[in-house]
Amino acid sequence: MAVLGLLVLVVRCARPVINYTATRAAWLELWAASVTGIGPVGAAVGSGLTDEFIREFHKARTSATV
């Protein structure tokens, strides 16, 4: 349990850094897309992955046994 608690603490502490990095990467991709004229591929892939995660989460939540 202590190892699991430590893992959760590390993930929670790293989350703001990960969120900041992801936001900056998305901004950089949009900037590069505006400069080069090529569409932002990561946004299309990322939104598809997000939709899939949401579907799986709701499916797991509604079919979970108590």
N, C-alpha and C. Protein backbone atom coordinates (compact mmCIF):
# COMPACT_ATOMS: atom_id res chain seq x y z
N MET A 1 0.82 -1.19 0.00
CA MET A 1 0.00 0.00 0.00
C MET A 1 0.87 1.26 0.00
N ALA A 2 2.00 1.18 0.69
CA ALA A 2 2.88 2.35 0.72
C ALA A 2 3.45 2.65 -0.66
N VAL A 3 3.79 1.61 -1.40
CA VAL A 3 4.32 1.81 -2.76
C VAL A 3 3.24 2.40 -3.65
N LEU A 4 2.02 1.91 -3.54
CA LEU A 4 0.91 2.44 -4.33
C LEU A 4 0.66 3.90 -3.96
N GLY A 5 0.69 4.22 -2.69
CA GLY A 5 0.52 5.60 -2.24
C GLY A 5 1.62 6.50 -2.77
N LEU A 6 2.85 6.01 -2.78
CA LEU A 6 3.96 6.78 -3.31
C LEU A 6 3.80 7.00 -4.81
N LEU A 7 3.35 5.99 -5.52
CA LEU A 7 3.12 6.10 -6.96
C LEU A 7 2.04 7.15 -7.26
N VAL A 8 0.96 7.12 -6.50
CA VAL A 8 -0.12 8.09 -6.68
C VAL A 8 0.40 9.51 -6.40
N LEU A 9 1.20 9.66 -5.36
CA LEU A 9 1.76 10.97 -5.02
C LEU A 9 2.65 11.49 -6.15
N VAL A 10 3.48 10.63 -6.70
CA VAL A 10 4.37 11.04 -7.79
C VAL A 10 3.57 11.46 -9.01
N VAL A 11 2.54 10.69 -9.35
CA VAL A 11 1.71 11.03 -10.51
C VAL A 11 0.98 12.34 -10.29
N ARG A 12 0.44 12.54 -9.10
CA ARG A 12 -0.27 13.79 -8.81
C ARG A 12 0.66 14.99 -8.81
N CYS A 13 1.88 14.81 -8.35
CA CYS A 13 2.84 15.92 -8.36
C CYS A 13 3.31 16.23 -9.78
N ALA A 14 3.40 15.22 -10.61
CA ALA A 14 3.86 15.41 -11.99
C ALA A 14 2.76 15.94 -12.90
N ARG A 15 1.52 15.83 -12.49
CA ARG A 15 0.40 16.21 -13.34
C ARG A 15 0.45 17.66 -13.82
N PRO A 16 0.72 18.64 -12.96
CA PRO A 16 0.79 20.02 -13.47
C PRO A 16 1.88 20.21 -14.53
N VAL A 17 2.99 19.54 -14.34
CA VAL A 17 4.08 19.65 -15.33
C VAL A 17 3.65 19.02 -16.65
N ILE A 18 2.99 17.88 -16.58
CA ILE A 18 2.51 17.21 -17.79
C ILE A 18 1.46 18.06 -18.49
N ASN A 19 0.54 18.64 -17.73
CA ASN A 19 -0.49 19.50 -18.32
C ASN A 19 0.13 20.72 -18.98
N TYR A 20 1.11 21.34 -18.34
CA TYR A 20 1.77 22.50 -18.91
C TYR A 20 2.50 22.13 -20.20
N THR A 21 3.21 21.01 -20.17
CA THR A 21 3.94 20.56 -21.36
C THR A 21 2.98 20.26 -22.51
N ALA A 22 1.88 19.61 -22.20
CA ALA A 22 0.90 19.29 -23.25
C ALA A 22 0.28 20.55 -23.83
N THR A 23 -0.01 21.53 -22.98
CA THR A 23 -0.57 22.80 -23.46
C THR A 23 0.43 23.52 -24.37
N ARG A 24 1.68 23.55 -23.96
CA ARG A 24 2.71 24.20 -24.78
C ARG A 24 2.91 23.45 -26.09
N ALA A 25 2.87 22.13 -26.06
CA ALA A 25 3.03 21.35 -27.29
C ALA A 25 1.88 21.61 -28.25
N ALA A 26 0.66 21.71 -27.72
CA ALA A 26 -0.49 22.00 -28.58
C ALA A 26 -0.37 23.41 -29.16
N TRP A 27 0.07 24.38 -28.36
CA TRP A 27 0.26 25.73 -28.86
C TRP A 27 1.33 25.76 -29.95
N LEU A 28 2.42 25.04 -29.73
CA LEU A 28 3.50 24.98 -30.72
C LEU A 28 3.02 24.34 -32.01
N GLU A 29 2.20 23.31 -31.90
CA GLU A 29 1.67 22.67 -33.10
C GLU A 29 0.76 23.62 -33.88
N LEU A 30 -0.10 24.35 -33.17
CA LEU A 30 -0.97 25.31 -33.85
C LEU A 30 -0.18 26.44 -34.49
N TRP A 31 0.86 26.90 -33.81
CA TRP A 31 1.71 27.93 -34.39
C TRP A 31 2.40 27.40 -35.65
N ALA A 32 2.96 26.19 -35.58
CA ALA A 32 3.63 25.60 -36.74
C ALA A 32 2.64 25.38 -37.89
N ALA A 33 1.41 25.00 -37.56
CA ALA A 33 0.39 24.81 -38.59
C ALA A 33 0.06 26.13 -39.28
N SER A 34 0.02 27.21 -38.52
CA SER A 34 -0.29 28.50 -39.13
C SER A 34 0.87 29.01 -39.99
N VAL A 35 2.09 28.68 -39.62
CA VAL A 35 3.25 29.12 -40.38
C VAL A 35 3.43 28.29 -41.65
N THR A 36 3.27 26.96 -41.53
CA THR A 36 3.52 26.08 -42.67
C THR A 36 2.31 25.87 -43.56
N GLY A 37 1.12 26.07 -43.01
CA GLY A 37 -0.09 25.84 -43.79
C GLY A 37 -0.57 24.40 -43.74
N ILE A 38 0.15 23.56 -43.01
CA ILE A 38 -0.26 22.16 -42.85
C ILE A 38 -1.18 22.09 -41.62
N GLY A 39 -2.27 21.34 -41.74
CA GLY A 39 -3.22 21.25 -40.64
C GLY A 39 -2.64 20.60 -39.40
N PRO A 40 -3.19 20.92 -38.23
CA PRO A 40 -2.71 20.33 -36.98
C PRO A 40 -3.15 18.86 -36.85
N VAL A 41 -2.26 17.95 -37.13
CA VAL A 41 -2.57 16.52 -37.10
C VAL A 41 -2.80 16.03 -35.68
N GLY A 42 -1.99 16.51 -34.74
CA GLY A 42 -2.11 16.07 -33.34
C GLY A 42 -3.47 16.36 -32.74
N ALA A 43 -4.08 17.48 -33.14
CA ALA A 43 -5.40 17.82 -32.60
C ALA A 43 -6.44 16.81 -33.05
N ALA A 44 -6.37 16.38 -34.30
CA ALA A 44 -7.33 15.39 -34.80
C ALA A 44 -7.12 14.04 -34.12
N VAL A 45 -5.87 13.64 -33.99
CA VAL A 45 -5.57 12.34 -33.35
C VAL A 45 -5.93 12.40 -31.86
N GLY A 46 -5.56 13.50 -31.22
CA GLY A 46 -5.83 13.65 -29.79
C GLY A 46 -7.31 13.65 -29.46
N SER A 47 -8.12 14.31 -30.29
CA SER A 47 -9.56 14.34 -30.01
C SER A 47 -10.17 12.96 -30.20
N GLY A 48 -9.68 12.21 -31.17
CA GLY A 48 -10.17 10.84 -31.35
C GLY A 48 -9.81 9.95 -30.17
N LEU A 49 -8.60 10.09 -29.67
CA LEU A 49 -8.19 9.30 -28.50
C LEU A 49 -9.00 9.69 -27.27
N THR A 50 -9.24 10.98 -27.11
CA THR A 50 -10.03 11.44 -25.96
C THR A 50 -11.44 10.88 -26.02
N ASP A 51 -12.05 10.90 -27.19
CA ASP A 51 -13.40 10.34 -27.34
C ASP A 51 -13.41 8.86 -26.99
N GLU A 52 -12.40 8.13 -27.42
CA GLU A 52 -12.33 6.70 -27.13
C GLU A 52 -12.16 6.45 -25.63
N PHE A 53 -11.31 7.22 -24.97
CA PHE A 53 -11.14 7.07 -23.53
C PHE A 53 -12.44 7.36 -22.79
N ILE A 54 -13.17 8.37 -23.23
CA ILE A 54 -14.44 8.71 -22.59
C ILE A 54 -15.43 7.56 -22.75
N ARG A 55 -15.52 6.99 -23.96
CA ARG A 55 -16.42 5.86 -24.18
C ARG A 55 -16.06 4.67 -23.30
N GLU A 56 -14.76 4.35 -23.22
CA GLU A 56 -14.33 3.22 -22.39
C GLU A 56 -14.60 3.49 -20.91
N PHE A 57 -14.38 4.71 -20.45
CA PHE A 57 -14.62 5.06 -19.06
C PHE A 57 -16.10 4.89 -18.71
N HIS A 58 -16.97 5.40 -19.56
CA HIS A 58 -18.41 5.29 -19.29
C HIS A 58 -18.87 3.85 -19.37
N LYS A 59 -18.31 3.08 -20.30
CA LYS A 59 -18.69 1.68 -20.42
C LYS A 59 -18.25 0.92 -19.16
N ALA A 60 -17.04 1.17 -18.69
CA ALA A 60 -16.55 0.52 -17.48
C ALA A 60 -17.34 0.96 -16.25
N ARG A 61 -17.70 2.23 -16.21
CA ARG A 61 -18.43 2.76 -15.05
C ARG A 61 -19.84 2.19 -14.98
N THR A 62 -20.49 2.06 -16.12
CA THR A 62 -21.88 1.58 -16.10
C THR A 62 -21.98 0.07 -15.97
N SER A 63 -20.92 -0.64 -16.35
CA SER A 63 -21.00 -2.11 -16.28
C SER A 63 -20.24 -2.66 -15.08
N ALA A 64 -19.74 -1.82 -14.20
CA ALA A 64 -18.97 -2.28 -13.03
C ALA A 64 -19.92 -2.94 -12.04
N THR A 65 -19.42 -4.03 -11.45
CA THR A 65 -20.21 -4.71 -10.41
C THR A 65 -19.89 -4.10 -9.07
N VAL A 66 -20.86 -4.09 -8.19
CA VAL A 66 -20.68 -3.47 -6.88
C VAL A 66 -20.22 -4.47 -5.87
